Amino acid sequence: MDFANLDTVSSVVLLLVGLGVFLLGFKFLGDSIEKLSASKMRALFNKAAGNRFAGVGIGALATAIVQSSSVTTVMVVGFVNAGVMTLTQAAAVIMGANIGTTITGWLVWLNQFNVMMYAMLLTLVGLIMTMVSKNNKVNTAGTLIASLGLVFVGLEIMSGSMAGVANEPFVEQALTSVSNPLLLLIIGAVVTGIVQSSSAVTSVLIVMAQNGLLIGGGGNGILFVILGTNIGTCVTALLSSIGANTNAKRACLYHLLFNVIGSIIFLIVFWIWDGFYDDVLMQWFHNDTTCITFFHTAFNVICTCLYLPFIKYLVKLTEIIIPDRKKKAKHKEAEGFMDKRLLLTPSLAIGQLVKQTTYTAGIAVKSLNAAVAGFIAKDDGKFDTISQDIEKVGELSREITDYLIEISAKDISLSDERIVNVLHRDNTDVVRIADIAENIVGYTRKAIDETLVFSEVVKHDLNRLMNLLNEQYELVVDIVENNNLVKIKQSDEIEQEIDDTKKRLLNEHIARMSRGECNAENNSLFVSLVSNLERVGDHLSLMAHSVEDIA
């Protein structure tokens, strides 16, 4: 196709086609990188609680992986909403995300060199890899390579479309007719808000510059538009805050303040220093493409450096603007680690779901402890609380199942599919533990109604059994959350001790009955109770060993 002889309408259509191919390539590229680095992504965000510098680095790296600061910010809002990330931690990650998103501009910058033809061949190379190999990781790597090639194909199409209109006088006049800095900034913000991608808008601006087309008629004009794109990219995160809790809304506000305040500062500087673009950037780099790409990165890096020392004060400002809501008496707080926003990145959603499962198991074990304590004391005073905890386990279990189904509908890696299957099984084990707690409540009611009496030896043995189960639960949390296979042996040893304790308790119970030290009426109840507690150990052991299926 002769790009140079295209009419204006065809050039615009071709620009949109090229942009579509470009964005599609980046979408597949981000998905492929995420699949290949799923476990590393989870570990990355788990370290976000370190310090503000680590948060910035994690935000930048995560955004470079998913290829969108909007996606990273929405995920951070999800983490804050789920209560697993503080507002200060989120603020650092958001600043890093703004830096990470500028990598897209540098890929577009490569378009000025004679590498396009070879880069586009990556599409064929990647396609062949996916067709020839049956290995899941090789297929994903092939998709990654093909996607990178697709990015350059989109760039070439956009660049060609610009060649068709670069010499049209009315096009140049239209681009240069707007010179007011504030209006240029608004244009950048509005267009980015509609497209919901500052990377896409900045990429188009760079491609236009490569063909000699500069919005604003040269000078600082293009810089004002780029400042606007940084404000417009906040739209996605702001939309995601609808229905979120107060801290999540503050995280979105911080994202907006970061970009708006930074843009206003630079707007004032460039409005006063009218020759900055020509006097500084062009003197350094000598071509518009490099000037625009460098400024896009420099703006976010400088703003981050300026804000980082004052992060706690900016967070305080968001708390003043969005104060804590007064809790209503019957208000039910969101509980756990699940948030729909995290589904944007399934590997991270799975990581949070692992924590949700162990958290729910903790509620089940808590209800079990209370039920056994009630049995020993023959006290029914906490039955309502135990019932509420058991009901809570049921609700969370259903939410976990629904969340797992939504994750399964995503295009996830084979390793993540295995984790999803394991979590389905673990979820069932957790519910069974809560069911056993409910059984023991029933045993307590019967013991109270029939005035059954158990010896101090029996009570001591039951407490010993519960101590073993609590110790095993703590090990299971470590094994499941941290994939700590080394401790499975220790869990097995406790499980064996639980089995041995059950046998000993039943044998001693029979011996006491034969000596007339224990009433026959207690027999079936005691056997059922001890057998139920031993089953709890079995369910915890199954959860520990489930990790072996994903190792």
Protein backbone atom coordinates (compact mmCIF):
# COMPACT_ATOMS: atom_id res chain seq x y z
CA MET A 1 0.00 0.00 0.00
CA ASP A 2 1.28 3.46 -0.91
CA PHE A 3 0.85 5.31 2.38
CA ALA A 4 2.01 8.61 0.93
CA ASN A 5 -0.91 8.85 -1.52
CA LEU A 6 -3.70 8.12 0.95
CA ASP A 7 -6.46 10.69 1.39
CA THR A 8 -7.07 12.20 4.83
CA VAL A 9 -10.04 9.99 5.74
CA SER A 10 -8.16 6.82 4.81
CA SER A 11 -5.16 7.99 6.80
CA VAL A 12 -7.28 8.56 9.90
CA VAL A 13 -8.91 5.12 9.50
CA LEU A 14 -5.48 3.56 9.07
CA LEU A 15 -4.24 5.42 12.17
CA LEU A 16 -7.08 3.90 14.20
CA VAL A 17 -6.39 0.45 12.75
CA GLY A 18 -2.70 0.78 13.63
CA LEU A 19 -3.61 1.95 17.14
CA GLY A 20 -5.91 -1.05 17.52
CA VAL A 21 -3.18 -3.49 16.45
CA PHE A 22 -0.69 -1.69 18.72
CA LEU A 23 -2.94 -1.90 21.78
CA LEU A 24 -3.90 -5.51 21.01
CA GLY A 25 -0.24 -6.41 20.81
CA PHE A 26 0.39 -4.79 24.19
CA LYS A 27 -2.64 -6.56 25.70
CA PHE A 28 -1.35 -9.98 24.58
CA LEU A 29 2.19 -8.99 25.58
CA GLY A 30 1.11 -8.07 29.11
CA ASP A 31 -0.99 -11.23 29.47
CA SER A 32 1.91 -13.42 28.32
CA ILE A 33 4.42 -11.79 30.63
CA GLU A 34 1.96 -12.14 33.51
CA LYS A 35 1.49 -15.86 32.79
CA LEU A 36 5.23 -16.48 32.70
CA SER A 37 5.84 -14.52 35.89
CA ALA A 38 2.65 -15.28 37.85
CA SER A 39 4.38 -16.54 41.00
CA LYS A 40 6.95 -13.74 40.84
CA MET A 41 4.14 -11.17 40.50
CA ARG A 42 2.49 -12.52 43.63
CA ALA A 43 5.79 -12.44 45.53
CA LEU A 44 6.39 -8.92 44.21
CA PHE A 45 3.17 -7.49 45.61
CA ASN A 46 3.61 -9.38 48.87
CA LYS A 47 6.78 -7.33 49.37
CA ALA A 48 4.99 -4.03 48.83
CA ALA A 49 4.75 -3.64 52.58
CA GLY A 50 8.51 -3.12 52.81
CA ASN A 51 9.20 0.61 52.40
CA ARG A 52 8.24 3.47 50.13
CA PHE A 53 11.23 2.97 47.82
CA ALA A 54 10.39 -0.71 47.41
CA GLY A 55 6.78 0.31 46.71
CA VAL A 56 7.86 2.65 43.91
CA GLY A 57 10.04 -0.05 42.36
CA ILE A 58 7.29 -2.66 42.64
CA GLY A 59 4.76 -0.30 41.06
CA ALA A 60 7.12 0.48 38.17
CA LEU A 61 7.99 -3.17 37.55
CA ALA A 62 4.39 -4.39 37.84
CA THR A 63 3.24 -1.74 35.36
CA ALA A 64 6.03 -2.66 32.95
CA ILE A 65 4.70 -6.23 33.14
CA VAL A 66 0.97 -5.51 32.71
CA GLN A 67 1.70 -2.57 30.39
CA SER A 68 -0.84 -0.21 31.97
CA SER A 69 -0.60 2.17 34.92
CA SER A 70 -4.41 2.23 35.02
CA VAL A 71 -4.53 -1.55 35.53
CA THR A 72 -1.88 -1.37 38.27
CA THR A 73 -3.72 1.48 40.01
CA VAL A 74 -7.03 -0.37 39.85
CA MET A 75 -5.31 -3.44 41.35
CA VAL A 76 -3.86 -1.28 44.13
CA VAL A 77 -7.35 0.09 44.83
CA GLY A 78 -8.47 -3.54 45.09
CA PHE A 79 -5.69 -4.33 47.57
CA VAL A 80 -6.57 -1.31 49.69
CA ASN A 81 -10.27 -2.13 49.53
CA ALA A 82 -9.49 -5.69 50.67
CA GLY A 83 -7.44 -4.33 53.57
CA VAL A 84 -4.16 -5.99 52.60
CA MET A 85 -2.33 -2.80 51.65
CA THR A 86 -2.15 0.44 53.63
CA LEU A 87 -2.82 3.80 52.01
CA THR A 88 0.85 4.83 52.34
CA GLN A 89 2.00 1.60 50.66
CA ALA A 90 -0.56 2.12 47.91
CA ALA A 91 0.63 5.69 47.33
CA ALA A 92 4.21 4.51 46.73
CA VAL A 93 3.09 1.79 44.32
CA ILE A 94 0.91 4.30 42.41
CA MET A 95 3.87 6.63 41.93
CA GLY A 96 5.93 3.73 40.64
CA ALA A 97 3.13 2.77 38.26
CA ASN A 98 3.33 6.20 36.64
CA ILE A 99 7.02 5.60 35.93
CA GLY A 100 6.48 2.05 34.65
CA THR A 101 3.90 3.12 32.08
CA THR A 102 6.49 5.22 30.23
CA ILE A 103 8.19 2.08 28.88
CA THR A 104 5.57 2.05 26.11
CA GLY A 105 6.86 5.38 24.83
CA TRP A 106 10.41 4.03 24.60
CA LEU A 107 9.23 1.09 22.49
CA VAL A 108 7.56 3.58 20.13
CA TRP A 109 10.78 5.60 20.17
CA LEU A 110 12.57 2.62 18.56
CA ASN A 111 10.41 3.20 15.48
CA GLN A 112 12.79 5.93 14.31
CA PHE A 113 15.52 3.37 13.73
CA ASN A 114 15.60 0.90 10.86
CA VAL A 115 14.52 -2.05 12.95
CA MET A 116 10.84 -2.24 12.05
CA MET A 117 11.09 -4.92 9.38
CA TYR A 118 13.09 -7.22 11.64
CA ALA A 119 10.94 -6.44 14.67
CA MET A 120 7.76 -7.29 12.76
CA LEU A 121 9.25 -10.70 11.93
CA LEU A 122 8.88 -11.51 15.63
CA THR A 123 5.18 -12.03 14.92
CA LEU A 124 6.00 -14.92 12.59
CA VAL A 125 8.65 -16.35 14.91
CA GLY A 126 6.26 -16.34 17.85
CA LEU A 127 3.44 -17.83 15.79
CA ILE A 128 5.66 -20.71 14.67
CA MET A 129 6.65 -21.37 18.30
CA THR A 130 3.01 -21.64 19.37
CA MET A 131 2.15 -23.91 16.42
CA VAL A 132 5.12 -26.28 16.73
CA SER A 133 5.49 -26.69 20.50
CA LYS A 134 2.98 -28.36 22.82
CA ASN A 135 4.78 -27.13 25.94
CA ASN A 136 2.64 -24.60 27.81
CA LYS A 137 5.53 -22.29 28.73
CA VAL A 138 6.96 -22.37 25.20
CA ASN A 139 3.51 -21.53 23.82
CA THR A 140 3.20 -18.60 26.20
CA ALA A 141 6.72 -17.42 25.27
CA GLY A 142 5.73 -17.70 21.60
CA THR A 143 2.65 -15.57 22.22
CA LEU A 144 4.84 -13.03 24.00
CA ILE A 145 7.25 -12.81 21.05
CA ALA A 146 4.39 -12.64 18.53
CA SER A 147 2.71 -9.91 20.59
CA LEU A 148 5.90 -7.84 20.63
CA GLY A 149 6.03 -8.18 16.86
CA LEU A 150 2.39 -7.11 16.69
CA VAL A 151 3.26 -3.96 18.65
CA PHE A 152 5.76 -3.00 15.96
CA VAL A 153 3.30 -3.87 13.20
CA GLY A 154 0.85 -1.44 14.77
CA LEU A 155 3.59 1.19 15.00
CA GLU A 156 4.44 0.77 11.33
CA ILE A 157 0.78 1.13 10.33
CA MET A 158 0.37 4.27 12.47
CA SER A 159 3.57 5.72 11.11
CA GLY A 160 2.46 5.01 7.53
CA SER A 161 -0.93 6.61 8.14
CA MET A 162 0.77 9.77 9.36
CA ALA A 163 2.84 9.93 6.18
CA GLY A 164 -0.37 10.37 4.22
CA VAL A 165 -1.41 13.55 6.03
CA ALA A 166 1.93 15.03 7.08
CA ASN A 167 2.08 17.30 4.04
CA GLU A 168 -1.59 18.35 4.09
CA PRO A 169 -1.65 22.11 4.84
CA PHE A 170 -5.05 22.06 6.58
CA VAL A 171 -3.93 19.22 8.89
CA GLU A 172 -0.86 21.14 9.94
CA GLN A 173 -3.00 24.25 10.42
CA ALA A 174 -5.50 22.33 12.57
CA LEU A 175 -2.75 20.99 14.81
CA THR A 176 -1.07 24.36 15.23
CA SER A 177 -4.25 26.42 15.62
CA VAL A 178 -4.50 25.62 19.32
CA SER A 179 -1.66 27.16 21.29
CA ASN A 180 -3.19 28.02 24.67
CA PRO A 181 -1.33 25.91 27.28
CA LEU A 182 -4.41 25.30 29.43
CA LEU A 183 -6.51 24.25 26.44
CA LEU A 184 -3.77 21.89 25.22
CA LEU A 185 -3.62 20.32 28.67
CA ILE A 186 -7.40 19.86 28.66
CA ILE A 187 -7.27 18.26 25.20
CA GLY A 188 -4.69 15.76 26.42
CA ALA A 189 -6.74 14.97 29.52
CA VAL A 190 -10.07 14.58 27.68
CA VAL A 191 -8.69 12.40 24.87
CA THR A 192 -6.86 10.17 27.38
CA GLY A 193 -9.97 9.98 29.56
CA ILE A 194 -11.96 8.72 26.56
CA VAL A 195 -9.30 6.25 25.42
CA GLN A 196 -8.42 5.38 29.07
CA SER A 197 -4.78 4.91 28.19
CA SER A 198 -2.09 7.59 28.49
CA SER A 199 0.34 5.15 26.83
CA ALA A 200 -1.84 4.95 23.71
CA VAL A 201 -2.24 8.72 23.41
CA THR A 202 1.45 9.38 24.06
CA SER A 203 2.38 6.72 21.50
CA VAL A 204 0.25 8.45 18.85
CA LEU A 205 1.87 11.79 19.72
CA ILE A 206 5.35 10.26 19.30
CA VAL A 207 4.41 8.66 15.96
CA MET A 208 3.01 12.01 14.77
CA ALA A 209 6.23 13.74 15.82
CA GLN A 210 8.25 11.19 13.83
CA ASN A 211 6.34 12.41 10.78
CA GLY A 212 6.80 16.09 11.56
CA LEU A 213 3.38 16.73 13.09
CA LEU A 214 3.39 18.49 16.48
CA ILE A 215 0.23 19.55 18.30
CA GLY A 216 0.49 23.12 19.52
CA GLY A 217 2.66 24.26 16.66
CA GLY A 218 6.01 23.38 18.20
CA GLY A 219 7.76 24.65 21.29
CA ASN A 220 6.22 23.72 24.65
CA GLY A 221 2.83 22.95 23.09
CA ILE A 222 3.31 19.17 22.90
CA LEU A 223 4.51 19.13 26.53
CA PHE A 224 1.21 20.61 27.72
CA VAL A 225 -0.68 17.84 25.92
CA ILE A 226 1.48 15.18 27.61
CA LEU A 227 0.80 16.79 30.99
CA GLY A 228 -2.90 16.43 30.20
CA THR A 229 -2.54 12.72 29.38
CA ASN A 230 -1.21 12.12 32.88
CA ILE A 231 -4.38 13.64 34.33
CA GLY A 232 -6.69 11.80 31.92
CA THR A 233 -5.28 8.41 32.86
CA CYS A 234 -6.81 8.80 36.35
CA VAL A 235 -10.32 8.27 34.94
CA THR A 236 -10.07 4.46 34.98
CA ALA A 237 -9.01 4.34 38.63
CA LEU A 238 -11.66 6.88 39.64
CA LEU A 239 -14.35 4.75 38.02
CA SER A 240 -13.01 1.68 39.82
CA SER A 241 -13.41 3.44 43.20
CA ILE A 242 -17.19 3.42 42.88
CA GLY A 243 -18.50 1.16 45.62
CA ALA A 244 -15.09 0.85 47.29
CA ASN A 245 -14.36 1.63 50.92
CA THR A 246 -13.04 4.95 52.20
CA ASN A 247 -9.33 4.06 51.98
CA ALA A 248 -9.72 2.76 48.42
CA LYS A 249 -11.33 6.07 47.42
CA ARG A 250 -8.40 7.87 49.04
CA ALA A 251 -5.97 5.80 46.97
CA CYS A 252 -7.75 6.96 43.80
CA LEU A 253 -7.70 10.54 45.06
CA TYR A 254 -3.95 10.24 45.71
CA HIS A 255 -3.46 9.06 42.12
CA LEU A 256 -5.40 12.10 40.91
CA LEU A 257 -3.56 14.53 43.20
CA PHE A 258 -0.17 13.12 42.18
CA ASN A 259 -0.85 13.78 38.51
CA VAL A 260 -2.83 17.02 38.84
CA ILE A 261 -0.44 18.78 41.23
CA GLY A 262 2.58 17.69 39.19
CA SER A 263 0.96 18.79 35.94
CA ILE A 264 0.01 22.20 37.38
CA ILE A 265 3.57 22.78 38.62
CA PHE A 266 5.04 21.93 35.21
CA LEU A 267 2.29 23.90 33.44
CA ILE A 268 3.24 27.06 35.35
CA VAL A 269 6.98 26.51 34.74
CA PHE A 270 6.54 25.97 31.00
CA TRP A 271 4.06 28.82 30.68
CA ILE A 272 6.68 31.16 32.17
CA TRP A 273 9.64 29.48 30.44
CA ASP A 274 8.19 29.59 26.96
CA GLY A 275 11.39 28.35 25.28
CA PHE A 276 12.06 25.29 27.45
CA TYR A 277 11.40 22.77 24.68
CA ASP A 278 13.73 24.46 22.17
CA ASP A 279 16.32 25.78 24.64
CA VAL A 280 16.73 22.60 26.70
CA LEU A 281 15.20 19.45 25.23
CA MET A 282 16.09 20.11 21.59
CA GLN A 283 19.59 21.16 22.60
CA TRP A 284 20.02 17.83 24.39
CA PHE A 285 18.38 15.41 21.96
CA HIS A 286 18.07 17.26 18.62
CA ASN A 287 14.85 15.47 17.52
CA ASP A 288 11.22 15.71 18.57
CA THR A 289 10.72 11.97 19.08
CA THR A 290 13.40 11.66 21.75
CA CYS A 291 12.36 14.94 23.38
CA ILE A 292 8.75 13.78 23.84
CA THR A 293 9.69 10.28 25.02
CA PHE A 294 12.28 11.59 27.47
CA PHE A 295 9.95 14.23 28.89
CA HIS A 296 7.16 11.69 29.44
CA THR A 297 9.52 9.62 31.60
CA ALA A 298 11.26 12.59 33.24
CA PHE A 299 7.96 14.15 34.33
CA ASN A 300 6.91 11.05 36.28
CA VAL A 301 10.37 10.43 37.74
CA ILE A 302 10.75 14.06 38.90
CA CYS A 303 7.24 14.12 40.41
CA THR A 304 7.97 10.88 42.27
CA CYS A 305 11.25 12.25 43.64
CA LEU A 306 9.50 15.45 44.73
CA TYR A 307 6.56 13.68 46.37
CA LEU A 308 8.34 10.75 48.02
CA PRO A 309 9.66 12.66 51.07
CA PHE A 310 6.18 14.12 51.67
CA ILE A 311 4.15 10.99 51.02
CA LYS A 312 2.66 10.82 54.51
CA TYR A 313 1.51 14.45 54.28
CA LEU A 314 -0.17 13.84 50.93
CA VAL A 315 -1.83 10.75 52.36
CA LYS A 316 -3.01 12.92 55.28
CA LEU A 317 -4.44 15.38 52.76
CA THR A 318 -6.53 12.62 51.17
CA GLU A 319 -7.80 11.69 54.66
CA ILE A 320 -8.87 15.31 55.22
CA ILE A 321 -10.61 15.55 51.84
CA ILE A 322 -12.29 12.15 52.28
CA PRO A 323 -12.96 11.78 56.03
CA ASP A 324 -13.92 8.51 57.69
CA ARG A 325 -17.58 7.71 57.41
CA LYS A 326 -19.55 7.17 60.58
CA LYS A 327 -20.35 3.51 60.87
CA LYS A 328 -23.98 2.66 61.20
CA ALA A 329 -24.98 0.26 63.94
CA LYS A 330 -25.98 -2.44 61.50
CA HIS A 331 -23.29 -1.73 58.98
CA LYS A 332 -21.52 -4.89 57.86
CA GLU A 333 -17.85 -4.40 57.06
CA ALA A 334 -16.36 -6.12 54.07
CA GLU A 335 -14.24 -9.00 55.28
CA GLY A 336 -11.34 -10.82 53.69
CA PHE A 337 -8.98 -10.39 50.77
CA MET A 338 -11.22 -10.76 47.71
CA ASP A 339 -11.89 -7.78 45.46
CA LYS A 340 -13.28 -7.83 41.92
CA ARG A 341 -10.69 -5.27 40.81
CA LEU A 342 -7.92 -7.82 41.35
CA LEU A 343 -9.42 -9.99 38.61
CA LEU A 344 -7.71 -7.65 36.14
CA THR A 345 -4.58 -9.60 37.00
CA PRO A 346 -5.66 -13.20 37.78
CA SER A 347 -2.29 -14.27 39.20
CA LEU A 348 -2.53 -11.60 41.89
CA ALA A 349 -6.19 -12.43 42.53
CA ILE A 350 -5.16 -16.05 43.13
CA GLY A 351 -2.48 -14.94 45.59
CA GLN A 352 -5.08 -13.04 47.58
CA LEU A 353 -7.49 -15.97 47.37
CA VAL A 354 -4.90 -18.24 49.01
CA LYS A 355 -4.84 -15.82 51.96
CA GLN A 356 -8.64 -15.70 51.95
CA THR A 357 -8.79 -19.48 52.23
CA THR A 358 -6.43 -19.65 55.22
CA TYR A 359 -8.26 -16.70 56.78
CA THR A 360 -11.58 -18.53 56.46
CA ALA A 361 -9.95 -21.67 57.86
CA GLY A 362 -8.91 -19.56 60.86
CA ILE A 363 -12.56 -18.66 61.52
CA ALA A 364 -13.51 -22.34 61.29
CA VAL A 365 -10.74 -23.33 63.73
CA LYS A 366 -11.77 -20.50 66.06
CA SER A 367 -15.34 -21.81 66.13
CA LEU A 368 -13.98 -25.31 66.78
CA ASN A 369 -11.95 -24.11 69.77
CA ALA A 370 -14.97 -22.32 71.21
CA ALA A 371 -17.17 -25.39 70.66
CA VAL A 372 -14.73 -27.75 72.41
CA ALA A 373 -14.23 -25.26 75.26
CA GLY A 374 -18.02 -25.11 75.64
CA PHE A 375 -18.22 -28.90 75.72
CA ILE A 376 -15.53 -29.19 78.40
CA ALA A 377 -17.16 -26.50 80.55
CA LYS A 378 -20.73 -27.68 79.72
CA ASP A 379 -21.40 -24.02 78.86
CA ASP A 380 -23.86 -23.01 76.13
CA GLY A 381 -23.28 -19.26 76.58
CA LYS A 382 -21.25 -18.87 73.39
CA PHE A 383 -23.44 -20.94 71.08
CA ASP A 384 -24.76 -17.85 69.27
CA THR A 385 -21.22 -16.57 68.58
CA ILE A 386 -20.12 -20.01 67.39
CA SER A 387 -23.15 -20.23 65.09
CA GLN A 388 -22.36 -16.80 63.65
CA ASP A 389 -18.76 -17.87 62.93
CA ILE A 390 -19.95 -21.09 61.28
CA GLU A 391 -22.42 -19.10 59.17
CA LYS A 392 -19.61 -16.68 58.26
CA VAL A 393 -17.46 -19.60 57.07
CA GLY A 394 -20.33 -20.73 54.85
CA GLU A 395 -20.78 -17.25 53.34
CA LEU A 396 -17.07 -16.78 52.69
CA SER A 397 -16.84 -20.29 51.24
CA ARG A 398 -19.56 -19.48 48.71
CA GLU A 399 -17.80 -16.21 47.84
CA ILE A 400 -14.51 -18.08 47.39
CA THR A 401 -16.21 -20.56 45.04
CA ASP A 402 -17.75 -17.75 42.97
CA TYR A 403 -14.40 -15.95 42.85
CA LEU A 404 -12.61 -19.13 41.75
CA ILE A 405 -15.16 -19.61 38.96
CA GLU A 406 -14.55 -16.04 37.75
CA ILE A 407 -10.78 -16.62 37.78
CA SER A 408 -11.22 -19.90 35.88
CA ALA A 409 -13.05 -17.98 33.14
CA LYS A 410 -9.91 -15.88 32.59
CA ASP A 411 -7.03 -16.90 30.36
CA ILE A 412 -4.73 -18.16 33.11
CA SER A 413 -1.54 -20.21 33.06
CA LEU A 414 -1.43 -23.96 33.66
CA SER A 415 0.21 -23.45 37.06
CA ASP A 416 -2.54 -21.03 38.08
CA GLU A 417 -5.16 -23.56 36.94
CA ARG A 418 -3.61 -26.10 39.31
CA ILE A 419 -3.77 -23.59 42.17
CA VAL A 420 -7.45 -22.91 41.40
CA ASN A 421 -8.20 -26.64 41.56
CA VAL A 422 -6.32 -26.98 44.84
CA LEU A 423 -8.19 -24.01 46.34
CA HIS A 424 -11.52 -25.62 45.44
CA ARG A 425 -10.48 -28.68 47.48
CA ASP A 426 -9.07 -26.62 50.34
CA ASN A 427 -12.30 -24.63 50.47
CA THR A 428 -14.24 -27.87 50.94
CA ASP A 429 -11.92 -28.93 53.78
CA VAL A 430 -12.47 -25.60 55.53
CA VAL A 431 -16.25 -26.03 55.37
CA ARG A 432 -15.93 -29.54 56.80
CA ILE A 433 -14.01 -28.17 59.81
CA ALA A 434 -16.83 -25.68 60.45
CA ASP A 435 -19.36 -28.53 60.14
CA ILE A 436 -17.46 -30.47 62.81
CA ALA A 437 -17.60 -27.42 65.11
CA GLU A 438 -21.37 -27.45 64.62
CA ASN A 439 -21.46 -31.17 65.47
CA ILE A 440 -19.65 -30.51 68.73
CA VAL A 441 -22.18 -27.81 69.64
CA GLY A 442 -24.80 -30.53 69.26
CA TYR A 443 -22.80 -32.86 71.52
CA THR A 444 -22.61 -30.13 74.16
CA ARG A 445 -26.38 -29.61 74.07
CA LYS A 446 -26.89 -33.34 74.56
CA ALA A 447 -24.36 -33.47 77.43
CA ILE A 448 -26.15 -30.58 79.16
CA ASP A 449 -29.65 -31.97 78.56
CA GLU A 450 -28.71 -35.46 79.82
CA THR A 451 -26.45 -34.15 82.61
CA LEU A 452 -23.55 -36.28 81.41
CA VAL A 453 -20.35 -36.00 83.44
CA PHE A 454 -16.77 -36.42 82.15
CA SER A 455 -13.70 -36.86 84.31
CA GLU A 456 -10.90 -34.31 84.64
CA VAL A 457 -8.63 -36.75 82.79
CA VAL A 458 -10.94 -36.66 79.77
CA LYS A 459 -11.06 -32.85 79.82
CA HIS A 460 -7.25 -32.69 79.98
CA ASP A 461 -6.93 -35.09 77.04
CA LEU A 462 -9.40 -33.07 74.94
CA ASN A 463 -7.41 -29.90 75.62
CA ARG A 464 -4.23 -31.72 74.58
CA LEU A 465 -5.90 -32.81 71.33
CA MET A 466 -7.03 -29.25 70.60
CA ASN A 467 -3.49 -27.95 71.20
CA LEU A 468 -2.22 -30.37 68.55
CA LEU A 469 -4.93 -29.26 66.09
CA ASN A 470 -4.11 -25.57 66.68
CA GLU A 471 -0.42 -26.27 66.15
CA GLN A 472 -1.24 -28.10 62.93
CA TYR A 473 -3.40 -25.20 61.71
CA GLU A 474 -0.53 -22.72 62.21
CA LEU A 475 1.73 -25.01 60.16
CA VAL A 476 -0.89 -25.30 57.41
CA VAL A 477 -1.10 -21.50 57.12
CA ASP A 478 2.67 -21.30 56.66
CA ILE A 479 2.71 -24.18 54.17
CA VAL A 480 -0.21 -22.93 52.05
CA GLU A 481 0.55 -19.19 52.04
CA ASN A 482 4.31 -19.51 51.59
CA ASN A 483 4.39 -22.76 49.61
CA ASN A 484 6.63 -24.08 52.38
CA LEU A 485 7.01 -27.74 51.42
CA VAL A 486 9.73 -28.30 54.02
CA LYS A 487 7.20 -28.10 56.84
CA ILE A 488 4.89 -30.78 55.42
CA LYS A 489 6.94 -33.41 57.27
CA GLN A 490 6.37 -31.56 60.53
CA SER A 491 2.64 -31.41 59.77
CA ASP A 492 2.62 -35.15 59.10
CA GLU A 493 4.27 -35.79 62.46
CA ILE A 494 1.56 -33.81 64.24
CA GLU A 495 -1.12 -35.60 62.22
CA GLN A 496 0.32 -38.95 63.33
CA GLU A 497 0.36 -37.74 66.92
CA ILE A 498 -3.30 -36.76 66.59
CA ASP A 499 -4.16 -40.24 65.27
CA ASP A 500 -2.20 -41.87 68.09
CA THR A 501 -3.90 -39.62 70.64
CA LYS A 502 -7.33 -40.63 69.33
CA LYS A 503 -6.50 -44.32 69.67
CA ARG A 504 -5.11 -43.80 73.16
CA LEU A 505 -8.14 -41.79 74.28
CA LEU A 506 -10.57 -44.43 73.04
CA ASN A 507 -8.57 -47.28 74.61
CA GLU A 508 -8.35 -45.46 77.93
CA HIS A 509 -12.07 -44.68 77.75
CA ILE A 510 -12.89 -48.38 77.27
CA ALA A 511 -10.60 -49.26 80.18
CA ARG A 512 -12.35 -46.73 82.45
CA MET A 513 -15.73 -48.14 81.46
CA SER A 514 -14.60 -51.67 82.31
CA ARG A 515 -13.47 -50.47 85.73
CA GLY A 516 -16.79 -48.69 86.25
CA GLU A 517 -15.13 -45.27 86.34
CA CYS A 518 -17.11 -43.98 83.36
CA ASN A 519 -20.83 -44.15 82.62
CA ALA A 520 -21.96 -46.18 79.62
CA GLU A 521 -24.23 -43.26 78.61
CA ASN A 522 -21.11 -41.24 77.81
CA ASN A 523 -19.71 -43.83 75.42
CA SER A 524 -21.23 -42.95 72.04
CA LEU A 525 -20.91 -39.21 72.67
CA PHE A 526 -17.23 -39.42 73.64
CA VAL A 527 -16.36 -41.70 70.69
CA SER A 528 -18.14 -39.34 68.25
CA LEU A 529 -16.42 -36.29 69.73
CA VAL A 530 -12.90 -37.72 69.55
CA SER A 531 -13.50 -39.14 66.05
CA ASN A 532 -14.71 -35.73 64.85
CA LEU A 533 -11.60 -34.01 66.21
CA GLU A 534 -9.38 -36.58 64.50
CA ARG A 535 -11.17 -35.80 61.22
CA VAL A 536 -10.24 -32.13 61.65
CA GLY A 537 -6.61 -33.24 61.65
CA ASP A 538 -7.27 -35.16 58.41
CA HIS A 539 -8.74 -32.06 56.71
CA LEU A 540 -5.81 -29.90 57.82
CA SER A 541 -3.38 -32.55 56.57
CA LEU A 542 -5.13 -32.59 53.18
CA MET A 543 -4.72 -28.82 52.94
CA ALA A 544 -1.00 -29.11 53.76
CA HIS A 545 -0.42 -31.81 51.15
CA SER A 546 -2.44 -29.94 48.50
CA VAL A 547 0.58 -27.68 48.04
CA GLU A 548 2.47 -30.64 46.56
CA ASP A 549 0.07 -30.58 43.60
CA ILE A 550 1.24 -27.11 42.59
CA ALA A 551 4.94 -27.41 43.43
